[in-house]
PDB file of all heavy atoms in Angstrom:
ATOM      1  N   ALA A   1     109.773 106.915 104.883  1.00  0.00           N
ATOM      2  CA  ALA A   1     108.338 107.199 104.902  1.00  0.00           C
ATOM      3  C   ALA A   1     107.984 108.252 105.940  1.00  0.00           C
ATOM      4  O   ALA A   1     107.033 109.025 105.742  1.00  0.00           O
ATOM      5  CB  ALA A   1     107.553 105.916 105.167  1.00  0.00           C
ATOM      6  N   ALA A   2     108.733 108.305 107.046  1.00  0.00           N
ATOM      7  CA  ALA A   2     108.426 109.280 108.091  1.00  0.00           C
ATOM      8  C   ALA A   2     108.506 110.708 107.551  1.00  0.00           C
ATOM      9  O   ALA A   2     107.730 111.583 107.957  1.00  0.00           O
ATOM     10  CB  ALA A   2     109.370 109.108 109.272  1.00  0.00           C
ATOM     11  N   ILE A   3     109.430 110.955 106.629  1.00  0.00           N
ATOM     12  CA  ILE A   3     109.550 112.287 106.030  1.00  0.00           C
ATOM     13  C   ILE A   3     108.297 112.603 105.221  1.00  0.00           C
ATOM     14  O   ILE A   3     107.749 113.710 105.276  1.00  0.00           O
ATOM     15  CB  ILE A   3     110.805 112.360 105.140  1.00  0.00           C
ATOM     16  CG1 ILE A   3     112.059 112.110 105.981  1.00  0.00           C
ATOM     17  CG2 ILE A   3     110.887 113.711 104.435  1.00  0.00           C
ATOM     18  CD1 ILE A   3     113.328 112.002 105.171  1.00  0.00           C
ATOM     19  N   VAL A   4     107.825 111.602 104.474  1.00  0.00           N
ATOM     20  CA  VAL A   4     106.613 111.796 103.682  1.00  0.00           C
ATOM     21  C   VAL A   4     105.423 112.072 104.587  1.00  0.00           C
ATOM     22  O   VAL A   4     104.584 112.940 104.299  1.00  0.00           O
ATOM     23  CB  VAL A   4     106.350 110.561 102.799  1.00  0.00           C
ATOM     24  CG1 VAL A   4     105.007 110.679 102.089  1.00  0.00           C
ATOM     25  CG2 VAL A   4     107.470 110.389 101.793  1.00  0.00           C
ATOM     26  N   PHE A   5     105.360 111.357 105.715  1.00  0.00           N
ATOM     27  CA  PHE A   5     104.247 111.576 106.639  1.00  0.00           C
ATOM     28  C   PHE A   5     104.309 112.967 107.268  1.00  0.00           C
ATOM     29  O   PHE A   5     103.266 113.535 107.615  1.00  0.00           O
ATOM     30  CB  PHE A   5     104.220 110.498 107.710  1.00  0.00           C
ATOM     31  CG  PHE A   5     103.586 109.214 107.251  1.00  0.00           C
ATOM     32  CD1 PHE A   5     104.356 108.103 106.976  1.00  0.00           C
ATOM     33  CD2 PHE A   5     102.217 109.135 107.063  1.00  0.00           C
ATOM     34  CE1 PHE A   5     103.778 106.918 106.541  1.00  0.00           C
ATOM     35  CE2 PHE A   5     101.615 107.968 106.626  1.00  0.00           C
ATOM     36  CZ  PHE A   5     102.402 106.856 106.361  1.00  0.00           C
ATOM     37  N   ALA A   6     105.499 113.517 107.400  1.00  0.00           N
ATOM     38  CA  ALA A   6     105.603 114.893 107.897  1.00  0.00           C
ATOM     39  C   ALA A   6     104.966 115.862 106.904  1.00  0.00           C
ATOM     40  O   ALA A   6     104.245 116.795 107.290  1.00  0.00           O
ATOM     41  CB  ALA A   6     107.069 115.257 108.130  1.00  0.00           C
ATOM     42  N   PHE A   7     105.207 115.622 105.606  1.00  0.00           N
ATOM     43  CA  PHE A   7     104.580 116.464 104.584  1.00  0.00           C
ATOM     44  C   PHE A   7     103.068 116.228 104.536  1.00  0.00           C
ATOM     45  O   PHE A   7     102.288 117.168 104.336  1.00  0.00           O
ATOM     46  CB  PHE A   7     105.209 116.175 103.214  1.00  0.00           C
ATOM     47  CG  PHE A   7     106.546 116.818 103.016  1.00  0.00           C
ATOM     48  CD1 PHE A   7     107.711 116.074 103.100  1.00  0.00           C
ATOM     49  CD2 PHE A   7     106.649 118.179 102.750  1.00  0.00           C
ATOM     50  CE1 PHE A   7     108.949 116.662 102.923  1.00  0.00           C
ATOM     51  CE2 PHE A   7     107.887 118.790 102.570  1.00  0.00           C
ATOM     52  CZ  PHE A   7     109.041 118.027 102.658  1.00  0.00           C
ATOM     53  N   ILE A   8     102.653 114.958 104.715  1.00  0.00           N
ATOM     54  CA  ILE A   8     101.214 114.668 104.728  1.00  0.00           C
ATOM     55  C   ILE A   8     100.544 115.391 105.886  1.00  0.00           C
ATOM     56  O   ILE A   8      99.460 115.980 105.739  1.00  0.00           O
ATOM     57  CB  ILE A   8     100.974 113.150 104.826  1.00  0.00           C
ATOM     58  CG1 ILE A   8     101.405 112.455 103.542  1.00  0.00           C
ATOM     59  CG2 ILE A   8      99.491 112.858 105.117  1.00  0.00           C
ATOM     60  CD1 ILE A   8     101.296 110.942 103.602  1.00  0.00           C
ATOM     61  N   ALA A   9     101.188 115.366 107.068  1.00  0.00           N
ATOM     62  CA  ALA A   9     100.621 116.051 108.237  1.00  0.00           C
ATOM     63  C   ALA A   9     100.492 117.541 107.972  1.00  0.00           C
ATOM     64  O   ALA A   9      99.454 118.160 108.288  1.00  0.00           O
ATOM     65  CB  ALA A   9     101.494 115.796 109.467  1.00  0.00           C
ATOM     66  N   ALA A  10     101.531 118.129 107.366  1.00  0.00           N
ATOM     67  CA  ALA A  10     101.484 119.565 107.077  1.00  0.00           C
ATOM     68  C   ALA A  10     100.396 119.879 106.056  1.00  0.00           C
ATOM     69  O   ALA A  10      99.621 120.833 106.225  1.00  0.00           O
ATOM     70  CB  ALA A  10     102.851 120.024 106.570  1.00  0.00           C
ATOM     71  N   GLY A  11     100.327 119.078 104.983  1.00  0.00           N
ATOM     72  CA  GLY A  11      99.332 119.329 103.948  1.00  0.00           C
ATOM     73  C   GLY A  11      97.916 119.113 104.444  1.00  0.00           C
ATOM     74  O   GLY A  11      97.017 119.937 104.190  1.00  0.00           O
ATOM     75  N   ALA A  12      97.685 118.000 105.167  1.00  0.00           N
ATOM     76  CA  ALA A  12      96.340 117.713 105.669  1.00  0.00           C
ATOM     77  C   ALA A  12      95.926 118.740 106.715  1.00  0.00           C
ATOM     78  O   ALA A  12      94.764 119.190 106.729  1.00  0.00           O
ATOM     79  CB  ALA A  12      96.292 116.306 106.260  1.00  0.00           C
ATOM     80  N   GLY A  13      96.868 119.121 107.595  1.00  0.00           N
ATOM     81  CA  GLY A  13      96.548 120.124 108.605  1.00  0.00           C
ATOM     82  C   GLY A  13      96.198 121.459 107.979  1.00  0.00           C
ATOM     83  O   GLY A  13      95.234 122.132 108.380  1.00  0.00           O
ATOM     84  N   GLY A  14      96.964 121.868 106.955  1.00  0.00           N
ATOM     85  CA  GLY A  14      96.667 123.122 106.260  1.00  0.00           C
ATOM     86  C   GLY A  14      95.326 123.082 105.561  1.00  0.00           C
ATOM     87  O   GLY A  14      94.556 124.047 105.592  1.00  0.00           O
ATOM     88  N   ALA A  15      95.013 121.946 104.926  1.00  0.00           N
ATOM     89  CA  ALA A  15      93.727 121.810 104.242  1.00  0.00           C
ATOM     90  C   ALA A  15      92.570 121.856 105.235  1.00  0.00           C
ATOM     91  O   ALA A  15      91.507 122.424 104.941  1.00  0.00           O
ATOM     92  CB  ALA A  15      93.702 120.496 103.454  1.00  0.00           C
ATOM     93  N   MET A  16      92.766 121.277 106.421  1.00  0.00           N
ATOM     94  CA  MET A  16      91.721 121.328 107.443  1.00  0.00           C
ATOM     95  C   MET A  16      91.463 122.764 107.892  1.00  0.00           C
ATOM     96  O   MET A  16      90.313 123.172 108.083  1.00  0.00           O
ATOM     97  CB  MET A  16      92.124 120.461 108.640  1.00  0.00           C
ATOM     98  CG  MET A  16      92.039 118.967 108.378  1.00  0.00           C
ATOM     99  SD  MET A  16      92.829 118.016 109.690  1.00  0.00           S
ATOM    100  CE  MET A  16      91.867 118.531 111.113  1.00  0.00           C
ATOM    101  N   LEU A  17      92.530 123.538 108.064  1.00  0.00           N
ATOM    102  CA  LEU A  17      92.354 124.932 108.466  1.00  0.00           C
ATOM    103  C   LEU A  17      91.580 125.710 107.399  1.00  0.00           C
ATOM    104  O   LEU A  17      90.714 126.527 107.724  1.00  0.00           O
ATOM    105  CB  LEU A  17      93.714 125.576 108.719  1.00  0.00           C
ATOM    106  CG  LEU A  17      94.421 125.152 110.008  1.00  0.00           C
ATOM    107  CD1 LEU A  17      95.814 125.759 110.072  1.00  0.00           C
ATOM    108  CD2 LEU A  17      93.615 125.579 111.238  1.00  0.00           C
ATOM    109  N   LEU A  18      91.884 125.448 106.128  1.00  0.00           N
ATOM    110  CA  LEU A  18      91.130 126.096 105.046  1.00  0.00           C
ATOM    111  C   LEU A  18      89.656 125.698 105.114  1.00  0.00           C
ATOM    112  O   LEU A  18      88.764 126.532 104.912  1.00  0.00           O
ATOM    113  CB  LEU A  18      91.719 125.708 103.697  1.00  0.00           C
ATOM    114  CG  LEU A  18      93.094 126.288 103.354  1.00  0.00           C
ATOM    115  CD1 LEU A  18      93.589 125.736 102.030  1.00  0.00           C
ATOM    116  CD2 LEU A  18      93.046 127.817 103.304  1.00  0.00           C
ATOM    117  N   TYR A  19      89.413 124.435 105.416  1.00  0.00           N
ATOM    118  CA  TYR A  19      88.042 123.944 105.527  1.00  0.00           C
ATOM    119  C   TYR A  19      87.306 124.690 106.633  1.00  0.00           C
ATOM    120  O   TYR A  19      86.155 125.109 106.468  1.00  0.00           O
ATOM    121  CB  TYR A  19      88.072 122.442 105.798  1.00  0.00           C
ATOM    122  CG  TYR A  19      86.726 121.771 105.755  1.00  0.00           C
ATOM    123  CD1 TYR A  19      86.256 121.200 104.571  1.00  0.00           C
ATOM    124  CD2 TYR A  19      85.914 121.687 106.883  1.00  0.00           C
ATOM    125  CE1 TYR A  19      85.015 120.571 104.516  1.00  0.00           C
ATOM    126  CE2 TYR A  19      84.675 121.066 106.837  1.00  0.00           C
ATOM    127  CZ  TYR A  19      84.240 120.506 105.658  1.00  0.00           C
ATOM    128  OH  TYR A  19      83.021 119.896 105.609  1.00  0.00           O
ATOM    129  N   TYR A  20      87.984 124.862 107.780  1.00  0.00           N
ATOM    130  CA  TYR A  20      87.377 125.582 108.895  1.00  0.00           C
ATOM    131  C   TYR A  20      87.100 127.043 108.547  1.00  0.00           C
ATOM    132  O   TYR A  20      86.182 127.670 109.075  1.00  0.00           O
ATOM    133  CB  TYR A  20      88.281 125.526 110.119  1.00  0.00           C
ATOM    134  CG  TYR A  20      88.373 124.155 110.756  1.00  0.00           C
ATOM    135  CD1 TYR A  20      89.575 123.695 111.276  1.00  0.00           C
ATOM    136  CD2 TYR A  20      87.271 123.319 110.851  1.00  0.00           C
ATOM    137  CE1 TYR A  20      89.675 122.446 111.875  1.00  0.00           C
ATOM    138  CE2 TYR A  20      87.350 122.075 111.435  1.00  0.00           C
ATOM    139  CZ  TYR A  20      88.560 121.640 111.951  1.00  0.00           C
ATOM    140  OH  TYR A  20      88.653 120.411 112.526  1.00  0.00           O
ATOM    141  N   MET A  21      87.928 127.600 107.644  1.00  0.00           N
ATOM    142  CA  MET A  21      87.761 129.003 107.246  1.00  0.00           C
ATOM    143  C   MET A  21      86.674 129.170 106.187  1.00  0.00           C
ATOM    144  O   MET A  21      86.421 130.274 105.720  1.00  0.00           O
ATOM    145  CB  MET A  21      89.096 129.545 106.721  1.00  0.00           C
ATOM    146  CG  MET A  21      90.177 129.650 107.793  1.00  0.00           C
ATOM    147  SD  MET A  21      91.834 129.926 107.093  1.00  0.00           S
ATOM    148  CE  MET A  21      91.585 131.482 106.253  1.00  0.00           C
ATOM    149  N   GLY A  22      86.026 128.072 105.799  1.00  0.00           N
ATOM    150  CA  GLY A  22      84.937 128.144 104.847  1.00  0.00           C
ATOM    151  C   GLY A  22      85.321 127.791 103.434  1.00  0.00           C
ATOM    152  O   GLY A  22      84.471 127.816 102.527  1.00  0.00           O
ATOM    153  N   ILE A  23      86.601 127.476 103.202  1.00  0.00           N
ATOM    154  CA  ILE A  23      87.059 127.068 101.872  1.00  0.00           C
ATOM    155  C   ILE A  23      86.967 125.553 101.816  1.00  0.00           C
ATOM    156  O   ILE A  23      87.797 124.843 102.375  1.00  0.00           O
ATOM    157  CB  ILE A  23      88.497 127.544 101.612  1.00  0.00           C
ATOM    158  CG1 ILE A  23      88.585 129.058 101.789  1.00  0.00           C
ATOM    159  CG2 ILE A  23      88.971 127.128 100.225  1.00  0.00           C
ATOM    160  CD1 ILE A  23      89.993 129.612 101.725  1.00  0.00           C
ATOM    161  N   LYS A  24      85.929 125.051 101.158  1.00  0.00           N
ATOM    162  CA  LYS A  24      85.617 123.624 101.225  1.00  0.00           C
ATOM    163  C   LYS A  24      85.544 123.004  99.832  1.00  0.00           C
ATOM    164  O   LYS A  24      84.455 122.721  99.314  1.00  0.00           O
ATOM    165  CB  LYS A  24      84.286 123.407 101.956  1.00  0.00           C
ATOM    166  CG  LYS A  24      84.268 123.983 103.366  1.00  0.00           C
ATOM    167  CD  LYS A  24      82.910 123.787 104.015  1.00  0.00           C
ATOM    168  CE  LYS A  24      82.878 124.347 105.414  1.00  0.00           C
ATOM    169  NZ  LYS A  24      81.562 124.150 106.074  1.00  0.00           N
ATOM    170  N   PRO A  25      86.687 122.798  99.202  1.00  0.00           N
ATOM    171  CA  PRO A  25      86.652 122.134  97.887  1.00  0.00           C
ATOM    172  C   PRO A  25      86.212 120.678  98.035  1.00  0.00           C
ATOM    173  O   PRO A  25      86.581 119.993  98.986  1.00  0.00           O
ATOM    174  CB  PRO A  25      88.115 122.224  97.418  1.00  0.00           C
ATOM    175  CG  PRO A  25      88.915 122.336  98.674  1.00  0.00           C
ATOM    176  CD  PRO A  25      88.056 123.110  99.636  1.00  0.00           C
ATOM    177  N   MET A  26      85.396 120.232  97.094  1.00  0.00           N
ATOM    178  CA  MET A  26      84.934 118.848  97.101  1.00  0.00           C
ATOM    179  C   MET A  26      85.223 118.230  95.734  1.00  0.00           C
ATOM    180  O   MET A  26      84.375 118.226  94.841  1.00  0.00           O
ATOM    181  CB  MET A  26      83.441 118.766  97.428  1.00  0.00           C
ATOM    182  CG  MET A  26      83.114 119.146  98.853  1.00  0.00           C
ATOM    183  SD  MET A  26      81.422 118.721  99.317  1.00  0.00           S
ATOM    184  CE  MET A  26      81.389 119.291 101.031  1.00  0.00           C
ATOM    185  N   PRO A  27      86.440 117.731  95.546  1.00  0.00           N
ATOM    186  CA  PRO A  27      86.791 117.152  94.247  1.00  0.00           C
ATOM    187  C   PRO A  27      85.892 115.975  93.901  1.00  0.00           C
ATOM    188  O   PRO A  27      85.648 115.094  94.727  1.00  0.00           O
ATOM    189  CB  PRO A  27      88.246 116.700  94.453  1.00  0.00           C
ATOM    190  CG  PRO A  27      88.421 116.595  95.941  1.00  0.00           C
ATOM    191  CD  PRO A  27      87.520 117.623  96.523  1.00  0.00           C
ATOM    192  N   LEU A  28      85.383 115.989  92.666  1.00  0.00           N
ATOM    193  CA  LEU A  28      84.491 114.939  92.177  1.00  0.00           C
ATOM    194  C   LEU A  28      83.232 114.801  93.043  1.00  0.00           C
ATOM    195  O   LEU A  28      82.599 113.747  93.079  1.00  0.00           O
ATOM    196  CB  LEU A  28      85.224 113.593  92.115  1.00  0.00           C
ATOM    197  CG  LEU A  28      86.497 113.560  91.261  1.00  0.00           C
ATOM    198  CD1 LEU A  28      87.161 112.193  91.348  1.00  0.00           C
ATOM    199  CD2 LEU A  28      86.169 113.907  89.812  1.00  0.00           C
ATOM    200  N   GLY A  29      82.878 115.862  93.759  1.00  0.00           N
ATOM    201  CA  GLY A  29      81.698 115.823  94.610  1.00  0.00           C
ATOM    202  C   GLY A  29      81.885 115.058  95.901  1.00  0.00           C
ATOM    203  O   GLY A  29      80.907 114.785  96.607  1.00  0.00           O
ATOM    204  N   LEU A  30      83.128 114.724  96.240  1.00  0.00           N
ATOM    205  CA  LEU A  30      83.407 113.952  97.454  1.00  0.00           C
ATOM    206  C   LEU A  30      83.814 114.874  98.587  1.00  0.00           C
ATOM    207  O   LEU A  30      84.433 115.921  98.369  1.00  0.00           O
ATOM    208  CB  LEU A  30      84.517 112.932  97.191  1.00  0.00           C
ATOM    209  CG  LEU A  30      84.255 111.918  96.072  1.00  0.00           C
ATOM    210  CD1 LEU A  30      85.460 111.017  95.892  1.00  0.00           C
ATOM    211  CD2 LEU A  30      83.009 111.096  96.376  1.00  0.00           C
ATOM    212  N   ASN A  31      83.477 114.485  99.816  1.00  0.00           N
ATOM    213  CA  ASN A  31      83.846 115.259 100.994  1.00  0.00           C
ATOM    214  C   ASN A  31      85.140 114.685 101.583  1.00  0.00           C
ATOM    215  O   ASN A  31      85.123 113.590 102.138  1.00  0.00           O
ATOM    216  CB  ASN A  31      82.731 115.204 102.032  1.00  0.00           C
ATOM    217  CG  ASN A  31      83.077 115.986 103.288  1.00  0.00           C
ATOM    218  OD1 ASN A  31      84.058 116.719 103.321  1.00  0.00           O
ATOM    219  ND2 ASN A  31      82.274 115.831 104.326  1.00  0.00           N
ATOM    220  N   PRO A  32      86.271 115.397 101.471  1.00  0.00           N
ATOM    221  CA  PRO A  32      87.549 114.843 101.924  1.00  0.00           C
ATOM    222  C   PRO A  32      87.882 115.158 103.375  1.00  0.00           C
ATOM    223  O   PRO A  32      88.920 114.710 103.877  1.00  0.00           O
ATOM    224  CB  PRO A  32      88.559 115.540 101.005  1.00  0.00           C
ATOM    225  CG  PRO A  32      87.963 116.910 100.819  1.00  0.00           C
ATOM    226  CD  PRO A  32      86.449 116.707 100.824  1.00  0.00           C
ATOM    227  N   TYR A  33      87.013 115.914 104.075  1.00  0.00           N
ATOM    228  CA  TYR A  33      87.414 116.452 105.376  1.00  0.00           C
ATOM    229  C   TYR A  33      87.809 115.361 106.371  1.00  0.00           C
ATOM    230  O   TYR A  33      88.855 115.434 107.015  1.00  0.00           O
ATOM    231  CB  TYR A  33      86.302 117.312 105.976  1.00  0.00           C
ATOM    232  CG  TYR A  33      86.529 117.592 107.439  1.00  0.00           C
ATOM    233  CD1 TYR A  33      87.552 118.438 107.849  1.00  0.00           C
ATOM    234  CD2 TYR A  33      85.755 116.973 108.418  1.00  0.00           C
ATOM    235  CE1 TYR A  33      87.785 118.675 109.198  1.00  0.00           C
ATOM    236  CE2 TYR A  33      85.987 117.200 109.758  1.00  0.00           C
ATOM    237  CZ  TYR A  33      86.998 118.053 110.144  1.00  0.00           C
ATOM    238  OH  TYR A  33      87.250 118.265 111.471  1.00  0.00           O
ATOM    239  N   ASN A  34      86.977 114.343 106.551  1.00  0.00           N
ATOM    240  CA  ASN A  34      87.268 113.333 107.564  1.00  0.00           C
ATOM    241  C   ASN A  34      88.522 112.530 107.229  1.00  0.00           C
ATOM    242  O   ASN A  34      89.278 112.131 108.124  1.00  0.00           O
ATOM    243  CB  ASN A  34      86.075 112.398 107.744  1.00  0.00           C
ATOM    244  CG  ASN A  34      84.931 113.062 108.474  1.00  0.00           C
ATOM    245  OD1 ASN A  34      85.141 113.931 109.319  1.00  0.00           O
ATOM    246  ND2 ASN A  34      83.704 112.690 108.137  1.00  0.00           N
ATOM    247  N   LEU A  35      88.758 112.285 105.938  1.00  0.00           N
ATOM    248  CA  LEU A  35      89.997 111.615 105.538  1.00  0.00           C
ATOM    249  C   LEU A  35      91.199 112.486 105.874  1.00  0.00           C
ATOM    250  O   LEU A  35      92.221 111.993 106.356  1.00  0.00           O
ATOM    251  CB  LEU A  35      89.964 111.280 104.051  1.00  0.00           C
ATOM    252  CG  LEU A  35      91.214 110.572 103.504  1.00  0.00           C
ATOM    253  CD1 LEU A  35      91.433 109.234 104.206  1.00  0.00           C
ATOM    254  CD2 LEU A  35      91.105 110.369 101.993  1.00  0.00           C
ATOM    255  N   LEU A  36      91.088 113.787 105.617  1.00  0.00           N
ATOM    256  CA  LEU A  36      92.179 114.705 105.961  1.00  0.00           C
ATOM    257  C   LEU A  36      92.429 114.707 107.465  1.00  0.00           C
ATOM    258  O   LEU A  36      93.578 114.712 107.920  1.00  0.00           O
ATOM    259  CB  LEU A  36      91.844 116.117 105.482  1.00  0.00           C
ATOM    260  CG  LEU A  36      91.835 116.346 103.972  1.00  0.00           C
ATOM    261  CD1 LEU A  36      91.270 117.729 103.656  1.00  0.00           C
ATOM    262  CD2 LEU A  36      93.238 116.208 103.405  1.00  0.00           C
ATOM    263  N   ARG A  37      91.364 114.702 108.226  1.00  0.00           N
ATOM    264  CA  ARG A  37      91.489 114.679 109.689  1.00  0.00           C
ATOM    265  C   ARG A  37      92.233 113.428 110.147  1.00  0.00           C
ATOM    266  O   ARG A  37      93.112 113.499 111.015  1.00  0.00           O
ATOM    267  CB  ARG A  37      90.099 114.735 110.313  1.00  0.00           C
ATOM    268  CG  ARG A  37      90.080 114.712 111.828  1.00  0.00           C
ATOM    269  CD  ARG A  37      88.646 114.796 112.341  1.00  0.00           C
ATOM    270  NE  ARG A  37      88.583 114.630 113.788  1.00  0.00           N
ATOM    271  CZ  ARG A  37      87.455 114.603 114.488  1.00  0.00           C
ATOM    272  NH1 ARG A  37      86.293 114.730 113.861  1.00  0.00           N
ATOM    273  NH2 ARG A  37      87.473 114.436 115.806  1.00  0.00           N
ATOM    274  N   CYS A  38      91.892 112.288 109.547  1.00  0.00           N
ATOM    275  CA  CYS A  38      92.563 111.042 109.906  1.00  0.00           C
ATOM    276  C   CYS A  38      94.017 111.056 109.464  1.00  0.00           C
ATOM    277  O   CYS A  38      94.921 110.687 110.225  1.00  0.00           O
ATOM    278  CB  CYS A  38      91.830 109.861 109.284  1.00  0.00           C
ATOM    279  SG  CYS A  38      92.531 108.256 109.717  1.00  0.00           S
ATOM    280  N   LEU A  39      94.288 111.486 108.225  1.00  0.00           N
ATOM    281  CA  LEU A  39      95.659 111.528 107.726  1.00  0.00           C
ATOM    282  C   LEU A  39      96.545 112.420 108.587  1.00  0.00           C
ATOM    283  O   LEU A  39      97.702 112.093 108.860  1.00  0.00           O
ATOM    284  CB  LEU A  39      95.658 112.021 106.281  1.00  0.00           C
ATOM    285  CG  LEU A  39      95.250 111.016 105.205  1.00  0.00           C
ATOM    286  CD1 LEU A  39      95.058 111.724 103.867  1.00  0.00           C
ATOM    287  CD2 LEU A  39      96.297 109.911 105.079  1.00  0.00           C
TER     288      LEU A  39
END
């Protein structure tokens, strides 16, 4: 699982950077930012 969490950290961190750059996808109208921050 630790390997998977390494990929989760990379993916969530990258998505957060995109969010900060103004790219803010909201699938199904939901705001995923805080979940990404926690993950």
